[in-house]
Structure formats: C-alpha cells, structure tokens
C-alpha cells in the first residue's frame, strides 16, 4: 500500500486556493477552507486576509512558471526549440497559470520586478528566435509576443474546458504560431 504524503496545512490551503479560486475567482475564504479540509480560523492563521492568500498563490504560480520554463529550455538546440518547449511546459501548468493570468491583485514591488525580468528574458528569447527565422523580420516583435501569449491563453481555455489535452493544445498553439490557420499569406 502506497501512502500519500500529507500536505502541510499551508500547502493544502494553497492547493485548495488554486482549485477553488481558479474555478470561481469570487469564491469565499470559507469555500477555500472547506476544500482544504481546515477550519476558517486555521486558514486565517496562515493567511490573515484574502489578499495574503492571493499573494501566496500569485507568488507560487510565478515561481512554478519560472521553474518550468527554465527546465523546458535547458538543453534546447536553438532558441526556437526552447520557445516550443516553454510553450508546452506553460500550457501544461494551465490550471495554476490560469489563476495568475486572471488575477488582478496588486503585486508587491519584488513581484513587479520579477515580472519585468521575466518579460525582458522572454523578449530576448523571442528576438533570438526571430533571428533564427521562426517568424519574419518584418513582423513586429510585440505582435509575435502577443500572439504567443494569446495562443497559450487559448490553449489553457481548451484544456480547462476539456476540449484538448495539454499535449494536444500545445501542438495546436505551436502550429498556429509557426504556420497560422489559413492558406493566405500577408
């Protein structure tokens, strides 16, 4: 018999927060506590207010995003291959990243700096992939970045709604980024 390691109370609340608030951003902390299997007082010992829980969720989602992107890009033979791997890794984290993409919580200064750093790293990667020929030099870099981001978001929706697996959604998103969906050329 395999014993599943029990999550710490804090980790259980965070996991429940992702599940509950990911489905319903207006859900109450009582609903999160119930999903975590703890009392509301216990939840408040770890997270005094909703903002504290949201900050923990945003922080964890961002850390997971960084770790997944770094691991995915490791050993890639080109910047283009790194982007393809990163897209698949980020789409696979959709249940948690969905929360990050939809949460409008004000972030602390360090979180803002981390987001800016990630954005600059991604911008450099996209520029390098453009130089490799992933997309035309005449295509504005901002357009390519926005297309990548929106395709990831669309993939998360497909997976969330049960229309595709993360692997299928990743393949569709990459195909759309690299080849488009129509026959016409601009």
C-alpha atoms as a PDB file:
ATOM      1  CA  UNK A   1       0.000   0.000   0.000  1.00  0.00           C
ATOM      2  CA  UNK A   2       1.412   3.358  -1.025  1.00  0.00           C
ATOM      3  CA  UNK A   3       0.953   6.166   1.463  1.00  0.00           C
ATOM      4  CA  UNK A   4       0.382   9.597   0.037  1.00  0.00           C
ATOM      5  CA  UNK A   5       2.351  12.226   1.914  1.00  0.00           C
ATOM      6  CA  UNK A   6       0.034  14.677   3.613  1.00  0.00           C
ATOM      7  CA  UNK A   7       0.461  18.295   2.610  1.00  0.00           C
ATOM      8  CA  UNK A   8       1.248  20.852   5.281  1.00  0.00           C
ATOM      9  CA  UNK A   9      -1.751  22.936   6.245  1.00  0.00           C
ATOM     10  CA  UNK A  10      -0.335  25.949   4.411  1.00  0.00           C
ATOM     11  CA  UNK A  11       0.296  23.881   1.272  1.00  0.00           C
ATOM     12  CA  UNK A  12      -3.196  22.348   1.481  1.00  0.00           C
ATOM     13  CA  UNK A  13      -4.756  25.810   1.658  1.00  0.00           C
ATOM     14  CA  UNK A  14      -2.669  26.985  -1.302  1.00  0.00           C
ATOM     15  CA  UNK A  15      -3.663  23.945  -3.369  1.00  0.00           C
ATOM     16  CA  UNK A  16      -7.317  24.462  -2.443  1.00  0.00           C
ATOM     17  CA  UNK A  17      -6.958  28.142  -3.308  1.00  0.00           C
ATOM     18  CA  UNK A  18      -5.775  27.265  -6.812  1.00  0.00           C
ATOM     19  CA  UNK A  19      -8.671  24.832  -7.309  1.00  0.00           C
ATOM     20  CA  UNK A  20     -11.446  26.924  -5.794  1.00  0.00           C
ATOM     21  CA  UNK A  21     -10.400  30.407  -6.920  1.00  0.00           C
ATOM     22  CA  UNK A  22      -9.328  29.080 -10.316  1.00  0.00           C
ATOM     23  CA  UNK A  23     -12.920  27.945 -10.918  1.00  0.00           C
ATOM     24  CA  UNK A  24     -14.588  30.899  -9.200  1.00  0.00           C
ATOM     25  CA  UNK A  25     -12.464  33.988  -8.510  1.00  0.00           C
ATOM     26  CA  UNK A  26     -15.231  35.369  -6.269  1.00  0.00           C
ATOM     27  CA  UNK A  27     -15.297  32.276  -4.019  1.00  0.00           C
ATOM     28  CA  UNK A  28     -15.092  32.948  -0.304  1.00  0.00           C
ATOM     29  CA  UNK A  29     -12.245  32.019   2.006  1.00  0.00           C
ATOM     30  CA  UNK A  30     -14.740  29.714   3.741  1.00  0.00           C
ATOM     31  CA  UNK A  31     -15.037  27.747   0.497  1.00  0.00           C
ATOM     32  CA  UNK A  32     -11.243  27.551   0.269  1.00  0.00           C
ATOM     33  CA  UNK A  33     -11.033  26.361   3.892  1.00  0.00           C
ATOM     34  CA  UNK A  34     -13.617  23.639   3.247  1.00  0.00           C
ATOM     35  CA  UNK A  35     -11.777  22.466   0.125  1.00  0.00           C
ATOM     36  CA  UNK A  36      -8.510  22.388   2.102  1.00  0.00           C
ATOM     37  CA  UNK A  37     -10.119  20.392   4.890  1.00  0.00           C
ATOM     38  CA  UNK A  38      -9.366  23.023   7.526  1.00  0.00           C
ATOM     39  CA  UNK A  39     -11.397  25.399   9.614  1.00  0.00           C
ATOM     40  CA  UNK A  40     -11.658  29.049   8.746  1.00  0.00           C
ATOM     41  CA  UNK A  41      -9.649  30.005  11.868  1.00  0.00           C
ATOM     42  CA  UNK A  42      -6.829  27.712  10.728  1.00  0.00           C
ATOM     43  CA  UNK A  43      -6.866  29.260   7.280  1.00  0.00           C
ATOM     44  CA  UNK A  44      -6.650  32.732   8.848  1.00  0.00           C
ATOM     45  CA  UNK A  45      -3.634  31.711  10.958  1.00  0.00           C
ATOM     46  CA  UNK A  46      -1.754  31.104   7.719  1.00  0.00           C
ATOM     47  CA  UNK A  47      -3.410  33.804   5.613  1.00  0.00           C
ATOM     48  CA  UNK A  48      -4.913  36.638   7.675  1.00  0.00           C
ATOM     49  CA  UNK A  49      -6.853  38.007   4.708  1.00  0.00           C
ATOM     50  CA  UNK A  50      -7.854  37.223   1.150  1.00  0.00           C
ATOM     51  CA  UNK A  51      -5.045  39.406  -0.174  1.00  0.00           C
ATOM     52  CA  UNK A  52      -2.482  37.327   1.719  1.00  0.00           C
ATOM     53  CA  UNK A  53      -3.748  34.118   0.121  1.00  0.00           C
ATOM     54  CA  UNK A  54      -3.894  35.726  -3.320  1.00  0.00           C
ATOM     55  CA  UNK A  55      -0.313  36.977  -2.909  1.00  0.00           C
ATOM     56  CA  UNK A  56       0.838  33.456  -1.962  1.00  0.00           C
ATOM     57  CA  UNK A  57      -0.957  31.976  -4.973  1.00  0.00           C
ATOM     58  CA  UNK A  58       0.493  34.547  -7.359  1.00  0.00           C
ATOM     59  CA  UNK A  59       3.959  34.040  -5.903  1.00  0.00           C
ATOM     60  CA  UNK A  60       3.773  30.250  -6.180  1.00  0.00           C
ATOM     61  CA  UNK A  61       2.316  30.327  -9.690  1.00  0.00           C
ATOM     62  CA  UNK A  62       5.085  32.681 -10.814  1.00  0.00           C
ATOM     63  CA  UNK A  63       7.786  30.509  -9.220  1.00  0.00           C
ATOM     64  CA  UNK A  64       6.340  27.409 -10.905  1.00  0.00           C
ATOM     65  CA  UNK A  65       6.262  29.248 -14.230  1.00  0.00           C
ATOM     66  CA  UNK A  66       9.922  30.226 -13.877  1.00  0.00           C
ATOM     67  CA  UNK A  67      10.975  26.712 -12.893  1.00  0.00           C
ATOM     68  CA  UNK A  68       9.010  25.074 -15.713  1.00  0.00           C
ATOM     69  CA  UNK A  69      10.320  27.482 -18.362  1.00  0.00           C
ATOM     70  CA  UNK A  70      13.911  27.093 -17.180  1.00  0.00           C
ATOM     71  CA  UNK A  71      13.681  23.303 -17.114  1.00  0.00           C
ATOM     72  CA  UNK A  72      11.973  23.180 -20.506  1.00  0.00           C
ATOM     73  CA  UNK A  73      14.561  25.385 -22.213  1.00  0.00           C
ATOM     74  CA  UNK A  74      17.518  23.509 -20.764  1.00  0.00           C
ATOM     75  CA  UNK A  75      19.381  21.626 -23.467  1.00  0.00           C
ATOM     76  CA  UNK A  76      17.357  23.058 -26.350  1.00  0.00           C
ATOM     77  CA  UNK A  77      19.355  23.125 -29.571  1.00  0.00           C
ATOM     78  CA  UNK A  78      18.037  26.529 -30.616  1.00  0.00           C
ATOM     79  CA  UNK A  79      16.045  29.473 -29.339  1.00  0.00           C
ATOM     80  CA  UNK A  80      13.127  28.280 -31.449  1.00  0.00           C
ATOM     81  CA  UNK A  81      13.232  24.834 -29.822  1.00  0.00           C
ATOM     82  CA  UNK A  82      13.444  26.493 -26.397  1.00  0.00           C
ATOM     83  CA  UNK A  83      10.285  28.511 -27.189  1.00  0.00           C
ATOM     84  CA  UNK A  84       8.447  25.394 -28.342  1.00  0.00           C
ATOM     85  CA  UNK A  85       9.388  23.562 -25.145  1.00  0.00           C
ATOM     86  CA  UNK A  86       8.486  26.552 -22.980  1.00  0.00           C
ATOM     87  CA  UNK A  87       5.083  26.826 -24.658  1.00  0.00           C
ATOM     88  CA  UNK A  88       4.340  23.168 -23.912  1.00  0.00           C
ATOM     89  CA  UNK A  89       5.545  23.480 -20.306  1.00  0.00           C
ATOM     90  CA  UNK A  90       3.486  26.603 -19.646  1.00  0.00           C
ATOM     91  CA  UNK A  91       0.365  25.102 -21.216  1.00  0.00           C
ATOM     92  CA  UNK A  92       0.762  22.026 -19.015  1.00  0.00           C
ATOM     93  CA  UNK A  93       0.637  24.339 -15.971  1.00  0.00           C
ATOM     94  CA  UNK A  94      -2.581  25.936 -17.179  1.00  0.00           C
ATOM     95  CA  UNK A  95      -4.684  25.093 -14.150  1.00  0.00           C
ATOM     96  CA  UNK A  96      -2.323  27.119 -11.980  1.00  0.00           C
ATOM     97  CA  UNK A  97      -1.245  29.712 -14.508  1.00  0.00           C
ATOM     98  CA  UNK A  98      -4.870  30.403 -15.384  1.00  0.00           C
ATOM     99  CA  UNK A  99      -5.168  31.875 -11.920  1.00  0.00           C
ATOM    100  CA  UNK A 100      -2.087  34.042 -12.464  1.00  0.00           C
ATOM    101  CA  UNK A 101      -3.403  35.272 -15.819  1.00  0.00           C
ATOM    102  CA  UNK A 102      -6.808  36.229 -14.450  1.00  0.00           C
ATOM    103  CA  UNK A 103      -5.929  37.605 -11.000  1.00  0.00           C
ATOM    104  CA  UNK A 104      -5.888  41.380 -10.790  1.00  0.00           C
ATOM    105  CA  UNK A 105      -4.330  41.565  -7.304  1.00  0.00           C
ATOM    106  CA  UNK A 106      -1.866  44.401  -6.830  1.00  0.00           C
ATOM    107  CA  UNK A 107       1.591  42.908  -6.581  1.00  0.00           C
ATOM    108  CA  UNK A 108       4.376  43.961  -4.264  1.00  0.00           C
ATOM    109  CA  UNK A 109       7.477  45.657  -5.635  1.00  0.00           C
ATOM    110  CA  UNK A 110       9.500  42.427  -5.823  1.00  0.00           C
ATOM    111  CA  UNK A 111       6.746  40.693  -7.797  1.00  0.00           C
ATOM    112  CA  UNK A 112       6.636  43.626 -10.219  1.00  0.00           C
ATOM    113  CA  UNK A 113      10.418  43.408 -10.663  1.00  0.00           C
ATOM    114  CA  UNK A 114      10.184  39.643 -11.221  1.00  0.00           C
ATOM    115  CA  UNK A 115       7.506  40.112 -13.884  1.00  0.00           C
ATOM    116  CA  UNK A 116       9.600  42.773 -15.612  1.00  0.00           C
ATOM    117  CA  UNK A 117      12.651  40.479 -15.527  1.00  0.00           C
ATOM    118  CA  UNK A 118      10.661  37.569 -16.996  1.00  0.00           C
ATOM    119  CA  UNK A 119       9.214  39.828 -19.679  1.00  0.00           C
ATOM    120  CA  UNK A 120      12.681  41.041 -20.691  1.00  0.00           C
ATOM    121  CA  UNK A 121      14.079  37.481 -20.765  1.00  0.00           C
ATOM    122  CA  UNK A 122      11.148  36.348 -22.892  1.00  0.00           C
ATOM    123  CA  UNK A 123      11.557  39.334 -25.196  1.00  0.00           C
ATOM    124  CA  UNK A 124      15.240  38.437 -25.738  1.00  0.00           C
ATOM    125  CA  UNK A 125      14.299  34.815 -26.439  1.00  0.00           C
ATOM    126  CA  UNK A 126      11.632  35.830 -28.952  1.00  0.00           C
ATOM    127  CA  UNK A 127      14.063  38.217 -30.659  1.00  0.00           C
ATOM    128  CA  UNK A 128      16.684  35.441 -30.898  1.00  0.00           C
ATOM    129  CA  UNK A 129      14.066  33.036 -32.334  1.00  0.00           C
ATOM    130  CA  UNK A 130      13.083  35.714 -34.841  1.00  0.00           C
ATOM    131  CA  UNK A 131      16.745  35.964 -35.863  1.00  0.00           C
ATOM    132  CA  UNK A 132      16.736  32.180 -36.397  1.00  0.00           C
ATOM    133  CA  UNK A 133      13.790  32.574 -38.780  1.00  0.00           C
ATOM    134  CA  UNK A 134      10.905  31.447 -36.576  1.00  0.00           C
ATOM    135  CA  UNK A 135       8.948  34.403 -37.914  1.00  0.00           C
ATOM    136  CA  UNK A 136       9.641  37.171 -40.408  1.00  0.00           C
ATOM    137  CA  UNK A 137      11.952  40.056 -39.568  1.00  0.00           C
ATOM    138  CA  UNK A 138       9.174  42.327 -40.859  1.00  0.00           C
ATOM    139  CA  UNK A 139       6.812  41.052 -38.152  1.00  0.00           C
ATOM    140  CA  UNK A 140       6.845  43.428 -35.189  1.00  0.00           C
ATOM    141  CA  UNK A 141       8.289  41.688 -32.138  1.00  0.00           C
ATOM    142  CA  UNK A 142       5.407  42.929 -29.986  1.00  0.00           C
ATOM    143  CA  UNK A 143       2.944  41.220 -32.348  1.00  0.00           C
ATOM    144  CA  UNK A 144       4.809  37.914 -32.097  1.00  0.00           C
ATOM    145  CA  UNK A 145       4.943  38.142 -28.290  1.00  0.00           C
ATOM    146  CA  UNK A 146       1.236  38.964 -28.105  1.00  0.00           C
ATOM    147  CA  UNK A 147       0.434  36.072 -30.478  1.00  0.00           C
ATOM    148  CA  UNK A 148       2.450  33.664 -28.304  1.00  0.00           C
ATOM    149  CA  UNK A 149       0.731  34.867 -25.119  1.00  0.00           C
ATOM    150  CA  UNK A 150      -2.753  34.717 -26.623  1.00  0.00           C
ATOM    151  CA  UNK A 151      -2.195  31.248 -28.058  1.00  0.00           C
ATOM    152  CA  UNK A 152      -1.090  29.996 -24.634  1.00  0.00           C
ATOM    153  CA  UNK A 153      -4.216  31.546 -23.128  1.00  0.00           C
ATOM    154  CA  UNK A 154      -6.395  29.930 -25.804  1.00  0.00           C
ATOM    155  CA  UNK A 155      -4.722  26.586 -25.092  1.00  0.00           C
ATOM    156  CA  UNK A 156      -5.461  26.955 -21.368  1.00  0.00           C
ATOM    157  CA  UNK A 157      -9.133  27.527 -22.202  1.00  0.00           C
ATOM    158  CA  UNK A 158      -9.261  24.421 -24.430  1.00  0.00           C
ATOM    159  CA  UNK A 159      -7.681  22.301 -21.713  1.00  0.00           C
ATOM    160  CA  UNK A 160      -9.835  23.807 -18.945  1.00  0.00           C
ATOM    161  CA  UNK A 161     -12.985  23.117 -20.964  1.00  0.00           C
ATOM    162  CA  UNK A 162     -11.928  19.529 -21.732  1.00  0.00           C
ATOM    163  CA  UNK A 163     -11.627  20.168 -25.478  1.00  0.00           C
ATOM    164  CA  UNK A 164      -7.958  19.119 -25.637  1.00  0.00           C
ATOM    165  CA  UNK A 165      -5.208  17.608 -23.541  1.00  0.00           C
ATOM    166  CA  UNK A 166      -2.251  19.848 -22.676  1.00  0.00           C
ATOM    167  CA  UNK A 167      -0.194  17.994 -25.289  1.00  0.00           C
ATOM    168  CA  UNK A 168      -2.837  18.485 -27.994  1.00  0.00           C
ATOM    169  CA  UNK A 169      -3.314  22.146 -27.082  1.00  0.00           C
ATOM    170  CA  UNK A 170       0.457  22.701 -27.151  1.00  0.00           C
ATOM    171  CA  UNK A 171       0.714  21.176 -30.604  1.00  0.00           C
ATOM    172  CA  UNK A 172      -2.165  23.327 -31.897  1.00  0.00           C
ATOM    173  CA  UNK A 173      -0.766  26.500 -30.341  1.00  0.00           C
ATOM    174  CA  UNK A 174       2.712  25.897 -31.778  1.00  0.00           C
ATOM    175  CA  UNK A 175       1.297  25.063 -35.209  1.00  0.00           C
ATOM    176  CA  UNK A 176      -0.770  28.234 -35.177  1.00  0.00           C
ATOM    177  CA  UNK A 177       2.191  30.344 -34.061  1.00  0.00           C
ATOM    178  CA  UNK A 178       4.519  28.952 -36.708  1.00  0.00           C
ATOM    179  CA  UNK A 179       2.173  28.324 -39.650  1.00  0.00           C
ATOM    180  CA  UNK A 180      -1.067  30.186 -38.956  1.00  0.00           C
ATOM    181  CA  UNK A 181      -4.512  28.753 -39.543  1.00  0.00           C
ATOM    182  CA  UNK A 182      -5.237  29.823 -43.097  1.00  0.00           C
ATOM    183  CA  UNK A 183      -3.810  29.461 -46.561  1.00  0.00           C
ATOM    184  CA  UNK A 184      -3.468  33.157 -47.329  1.00  0.00           C
ATOM    185  CA  UNK A 185      -0.155  34.904 -46.799  1.00  0.00           C
ATOM    186  CA  UNK A 186       0.163  38.550 -45.851  1.00  0.00           C
END
